[in-house]
Amino acid sequence: MIDLTILIPVYNEEATILRILGHVAEQKIDDVRMQVIVVDDGSTDRTVELLEQNPGLYTKLIKRDRNGGKGAAVKSGLKEASGDYVLFQDADLEYDPAEYAKLLMPVLKFDADIVMGGRLVASPCTRVSYFWHKFGNRLITLIFNIFNNTTFTDIYSCYLLYRRDLVDPTGLRTDGWEQQAEILSIAVGKALSRSGGMYEVPVSYYGRTYAEGKKIKAYHAATVIWTIMVGRLFR
């Protein structure tokens, strides 16, 4: 039996939070127990109210007093995580929890250390969106692969699943969007010395527009690239 912590950072997602939690609750996978941790990062809309009204949809709710960034919310959640593995889930509807079984297959079959959900290779369905987002993602992934001698196709997919003991959350330095690069850099550095290995599986992506609430901006790419370089050089 594998214990999986699903970590969901949330900021002003009143329109989607209950729907995504409902989809998470629908996932039943043999030999997998799920712990669902929701971290509200100082939302100013009805997100917390809706969460408090529906405690059956999650295992633990962490409420941060003020908005500190996605990475700050993730660190708060990781400190409470108890699963053998951690899987990140965005609070919007861009990623479908129905993909969980696919992501867990390399863990259950090959004892994988890291599994990435790739949107750019053989994805069953991907919503067409912004060219520069895709270009930036490919650039970031290329730089990460060069620095770490890996072959990922999409390191900024939300769906990063990794063995929890690979990353000590108390040692994480970043609090923003760049934190995923920091976590993956640390996890890859540890995984290279293990036998479980790293895998990537295709996932669908239903990206939303800025009008629909998308938050990431082009300038975030600069801090991500810097974090990749620092993570490798000072490993």
Protein backbone atom coordinates (compact mmCIF):
# COMPACT_ATOMS: atom_id res chain seq x y z
CA MET A 1 0.00 0.00 0.00
CA ILE A 2 1.33 3.43 -1.00
CA ASP A 3 0.38 6.61 0.84
CA LEU A 4 0.06 9.59 -1.50
CA THR A 5 -0.17 13.21 -0.38
CA ILE A 6 -2.02 15.40 -2.87
CA LEU A 7 -1.03 18.99 -2.22
CA ILE A 8 -3.33 21.74 -3.51
CA PRO A 9 -2.20 25.38 -3.09
CA VAL A 10 -5.12 27.78 -3.50
CA TYR A 11 -5.45 31.51 -4.06
CA ASN A 12 -8.80 33.08 -5.01
CA GLU A 13 -10.25 30.01 -6.71
CA GLU A 14 -13.86 30.18 -5.52
CA ALA A 15 -15.13 29.32 -9.01
CA THR A 16 -13.29 25.99 -9.25
CA ILE A 17 -12.11 24.77 -5.84
CA LEU A 18 -15.10 22.56 -5.01
CA ARG A 19 -15.20 21.06 -8.49
CA ILE A 20 -11.52 20.13 -8.46
CA LEU A 21 -11.79 18.65 -4.97
CA GLY A 22 -14.81 16.66 -6.11
CA HIS A 23 -12.78 15.24 -9.00
CA VAL A 24 -9.93 14.37 -6.63
CA ALA A 25 -12.33 12.56 -4.30
CA GLU A 26 -13.58 10.45 -7.22
CA GLN A 27 -10.17 8.86 -7.76
CA LYS A 28 -9.96 5.33 -6.39
CA ILE A 29 -6.71 3.53 -7.17
CA ASP A 30 -5.87 0.04 -5.92
CA ASP A 31 -3.08 -0.04 -3.31
CA VAL A 32 -3.04 3.76 -2.94
CA ARG A 33 -4.26 5.77 0.06
CA MET A 34 -4.67 9.51 -0.45
CA GLN A 35 -4.09 12.39 1.93
CA VAL A 36 -5.48 15.64 0.49
CA ILE A 37 -3.93 18.84 1.87
CA VAL A 38 -5.37 22.19 0.77
CA VAL A 39 -3.34 25.32 1.52
CA ASP A 40 -5.16 28.62 1.16
CA ASP A 41 -2.63 31.35 0.48
CA GLY A 42 -4.53 34.31 1.90
CA SER A 43 -7.50 34.29 -0.50
CA THR A 44 -9.68 37.40 -0.50
CA ASP A 45 -12.73 35.82 -2.16
CA ARG A 46 -15.04 33.04 -0.85
CA THR A 47 -12.49 30.24 -1.26
CA VAL A 48 -11.95 29.66 2.48
CA GLU A 49 -15.65 29.92 3.23
CA LEU A 50 -16.43 27.25 0.64
CA LEU A 51 -13.66 25.00 1.94
CA GLU A 52 -14.84 25.30 5.55
CA GLN A 53 -18.36 24.39 4.45
CA ASN A 54 -17.13 21.19 2.76
CA PRO A 55 -14.59 19.51 5.10
CA GLY A 56 -15.37 16.09 3.67
CA LEU A 57 -13.53 16.96 0.45
CA TYR A 58 -10.05 17.10 1.99
CA THR A 59 -7.93 15.68 4.80
CA LYS A 60 -6.44 18.94 6.09
CA LEU A 61 -6.94 22.64 5.43
CA ILE A 62 -4.11 25.07 6.12
CA LYS A 63 -5.04 28.76 6.15
CA ARG A 64 -2.27 31.28 5.63
CA ASP A 65 -2.92 34.78 6.97
CA ARG A 66 -1.56 36.55 3.91
CA ASN A 67 -0.61 35.81 0.33
CA GLY A 68 3.01 34.69 0.21
CA GLY A 69 3.22 33.10 -3.23
CA LYS A 70 2.61 29.61 -4.53
CA GLY A 71 5.94 28.37 -3.19
CA ALA A 72 5.19 29.64 0.30
CA ALA A 73 1.88 27.77 0.25
CA VAL A 74 3.60 24.62 -0.98
CA LYS A 75 6.15 24.77 1.84
CA SER A 76 3.35 25.06 4.41
CA GLY A 77 1.69 22.00 2.93
CA LEU A 78 4.85 19.91 2.64
CA LYS A 79 5.51 20.34 6.35
CA GLU A 80 2.20 18.56 7.02
CA ALA A 81 2.56 15.91 4.32
CA SER A 82 2.81 12.32 5.53
CA GLY A 83 2.60 10.33 2.28
CA ASP A 84 5.34 8.21 0.78
CA TYR A 85 4.91 10.35 -2.32
CA VAL A 86 3.76 13.92 -3.01
CA LEU A 87 1.70 14.97 -6.02
CA PHE A 88 0.90 18.60 -6.79
CA GLN A 89 -2.58 19.55 -8.01
CA ASP A 90 -3.55 23.06 -9.12
CA ALA A 91 -6.85 24.37 -7.81
CA ASP A 92 -8.17 25.32 -11.25
CA LEU A 93 -9.41 22.88 -13.90
CA GLU A 94 -6.35 22.90 -16.18
CA TYR A 95 -5.33 19.40 -15.05
CA ASP A 96 -7.67 16.43 -14.61
CA PRO A 97 -7.29 14.20 -11.53
CA ALA A 98 -8.46 11.32 -13.71
CA GLU A 99 -4.78 11.20 -14.76
CA TYR A 100 -3.67 10.04 -11.28
CA ALA A 101 -3.74 6.35 -12.18
CA LYS A 102 -1.50 7.04 -15.16
CA LEU A 103 0.94 9.05 -13.04
CA LEU A 104 1.09 6.33 -10.39
CA MET A 105 1.71 3.50 -12.83
CA PRO A 106 5.54 3.94 -12.84
CA VAL A 107 5.46 4.04 -9.03
CA LEU A 108 3.39 0.90 -8.65
CA LYS A 109 5.16 -1.00 -11.44
CA PHE A 110 8.74 0.27 -11.29
CA ASP A 111 9.08 1.87 -7.83
CA ALA A 112 9.79 5.21 -9.52
CA ASP A 113 11.32 8.09 -7.58
CA ILE A 114 9.95 10.89 -9.82
CA VAL A 115 7.10 11.02 -12.34
CA MET A 116 6.33 14.07 -14.48
CA GLY A 117 3.08 14.54 -16.35
CA GLY A 118 4.11 15.77 -19.80
CA ARG A 119 1.73 17.97 -21.81
CA LEU A 120 3.86 18.26 -24.93
CA VAL A 121 4.38 14.69 -26.11
CA ALA A 122 1.51 12.38 -27.10
CA SER A 123 -1.01 14.20 -24.93
CA PRO A 124 -4.54 12.95 -25.57
CA CYS A 125 -5.95 16.50 -25.50
CA THR A 126 -4.31 19.92 -25.13
CA ARG A 127 -6.12 23.22 -25.33
CA VAL A 128 -4.47 25.65 -27.75
CA SER A 129 -3.35 28.78 -25.92
CA TYR A 130 -0.36 31.15 -25.80
CA PHE A 131 2.64 30.65 -28.11
CA TRP A 132 5.10 32.40 -25.80
CA HIS A 133 4.04 30.24 -22.86
CA LYS A 134 4.86 27.12 -24.84
CA PHE A 135 8.12 28.61 -26.11
CA GLY A 136 9.12 29.64 -22.59
CA ASN A 137 8.29 26.21 -21.22
CA ARG A 138 10.39 24.49 -23.87
CA LEU A 139 13.29 26.85 -23.16
CA ILE A 140 13.09 26.26 -19.41
CA THR A 141 12.93 22.51 -19.94
CA LEU A 142 15.90 22.55 -22.32
CA ILE A 143 18.02 24.49 -19.82
CA PHE A 144 17.02 22.13 -17.01
CA ASN A 145 17.92 19.08 -19.11
CA ILE A 146 21.31 20.54 -20.06
CA PHE A 147 22.20 21.32 -16.45
CA ASN A 148 20.93 17.99 -15.08
CA ASN A 149 21.60 15.57 -17.97
CA THR A 150 17.94 14.54 -18.11
CA THR A 151 15.41 14.15 -20.94
CA PHE A 152 12.20 15.68 -19.57
CA THR A 153 9.87 17.31 -22.09
CA ASP A 154 7.83 19.50 -19.72
CA ILE A 155 9.26 20.38 -16.31
CA TYR A 156 6.59 22.99 -15.57
CA SER A 157 3.63 20.71 -15.81
CA CYS A 158 1.62 20.96 -12.60
CA TYR A 159 1.76 17.19 -12.29
CA LEU A 160 5.03 16.53 -10.51
CA LEU A 161 4.98 13.40 -8.37
CA TYR A 162 8.03 12.49 -6.28
CA ARG A 163 9.13 10.38 -3.36
CA ARG A 164 8.66 12.65 -0.34
CA ASP A 165 11.97 11.87 1.35
CA LEU A 166 13.88 13.27 -1.66
CA VAL A 167 13.14 16.85 -0.63
CA ASP A 168 13.35 18.42 2.83
CA PRO A 169 10.83 21.30 2.80
CA THR A 170 12.68 23.14 5.56
CA GLY A 171 15.60 23.61 3.18
CA LEU A 172 13.61 25.19 0.35
CA ARG A 173 14.65 28.79 -0.31
CA THR A 174 12.09 30.00 -2.86
CA ASP A 175 8.49 31.12 -2.37
CA GLY A 176 7.29 31.85 -5.92
CA TRP A 177 6.62 30.03 -9.19
CA GLU A 178 10.31 29.17 -9.43
CA GLN A 179 9.99 26.76 -6.52
CA GLN A 180 9.01 23.83 -8.74
CA ALA A 181 12.40 24.13 -10.44
CA GLU A 182 14.07 24.09 -7.03
CA ILE A 183 12.12 21.03 -5.87
CA LEU A 184 12.75 19.14 -9.10
CA SER A 185 16.46 20.02 -9.07
CA ILE A 186 16.82 18.65 -5.54
CA ALA A 187 14.73 15.56 -6.28
CA VAL A 188 16.64 14.75 -9.48
CA GLY A 189 19.98 15.15 -7.69
CA LYS A 190 18.90 12.58 -5.09
CA ALA A 191 17.12 10.27 -7.55
CA LEU A 192 20.21 9.88 -9.74
CA SER A 193 21.84 7.88 -6.95
CA ARG A 194 18.85 5.57 -6.50
CA SER A 195 17.47 2.68 -8.50
CA GLY A 196 13.84 3.77 -8.80
CA GLY A 197 14.43 6.11 -11.71
CA MET A 198 12.55 9.01 -13.28
CA TYR A 199 9.61 8.74 -15.64
CA GLU A 200 7.31 10.92 -17.70
CA VAL A 201 3.76 10.11 -18.77
CA PRO A 202 1.52 12.07 -21.19
CA VAL A 203 -1.32 14.06 -19.63
CA SER A 204 -4.05 16.26 -21.07
CA TYR A 205 -4.02 19.99 -20.47
CA TYR A 206 -6.98 22.37 -20.47
CA GLY A 207 -5.13 25.66 -20.03
CA ARG A 208 -7.20 28.67 -19.13
CA THR A 209 -6.79 32.22 -20.40
CA TYR A 210 -5.90 35.30 -18.36
CA ALA A 211 -9.55 36.31 -18.58
CA GLU A 212 -10.41 32.98 -16.95
CA GLY A 213 -7.94 33.54 -14.11
CA LYS A 214 -4.52 32.35 -15.31
CA LYS A 215 -1.83 33.81 -13.03
CA ILE A 216 1.62 32.93 -14.38
CA LYS A 217 3.36 35.68 -16.38
CA ALA A 218 6.26 35.70 -18.87
CA TYR A 219 8.66 37.37 -16.41
CA HIS A 220 8.45 34.34 -14.12
CA ALA A 221 10.68 32.49 -16.61
CA ALA A 222 13.74 34.52 -15.59
CA THR A 223 13.53 33.47 -11.93
CA VAL A 224 12.90 29.87 -12.95
CA ILE A 225 16.04 29.78 -15.11
CA TRP A 226 18.10 31.37 -12.32
CA THR A 227 16.78 28.78 -9.86
CA ILE A 228 17.71 25.93 -12.22
CA MET A 229 21.26 27.25 -12.55
CA VAL A 230 21.71 27.83 -8.83
CA GLY A 231 20.20 24.44 -8.00
CA ARG A 232 22.71 22.64 -10.20
CA LEU A 233 25.80 24.69 -9.47
CA PHE A 234 25.39 24.53 -5.68
CA ARG A 235 24.06 20.98 -5.41
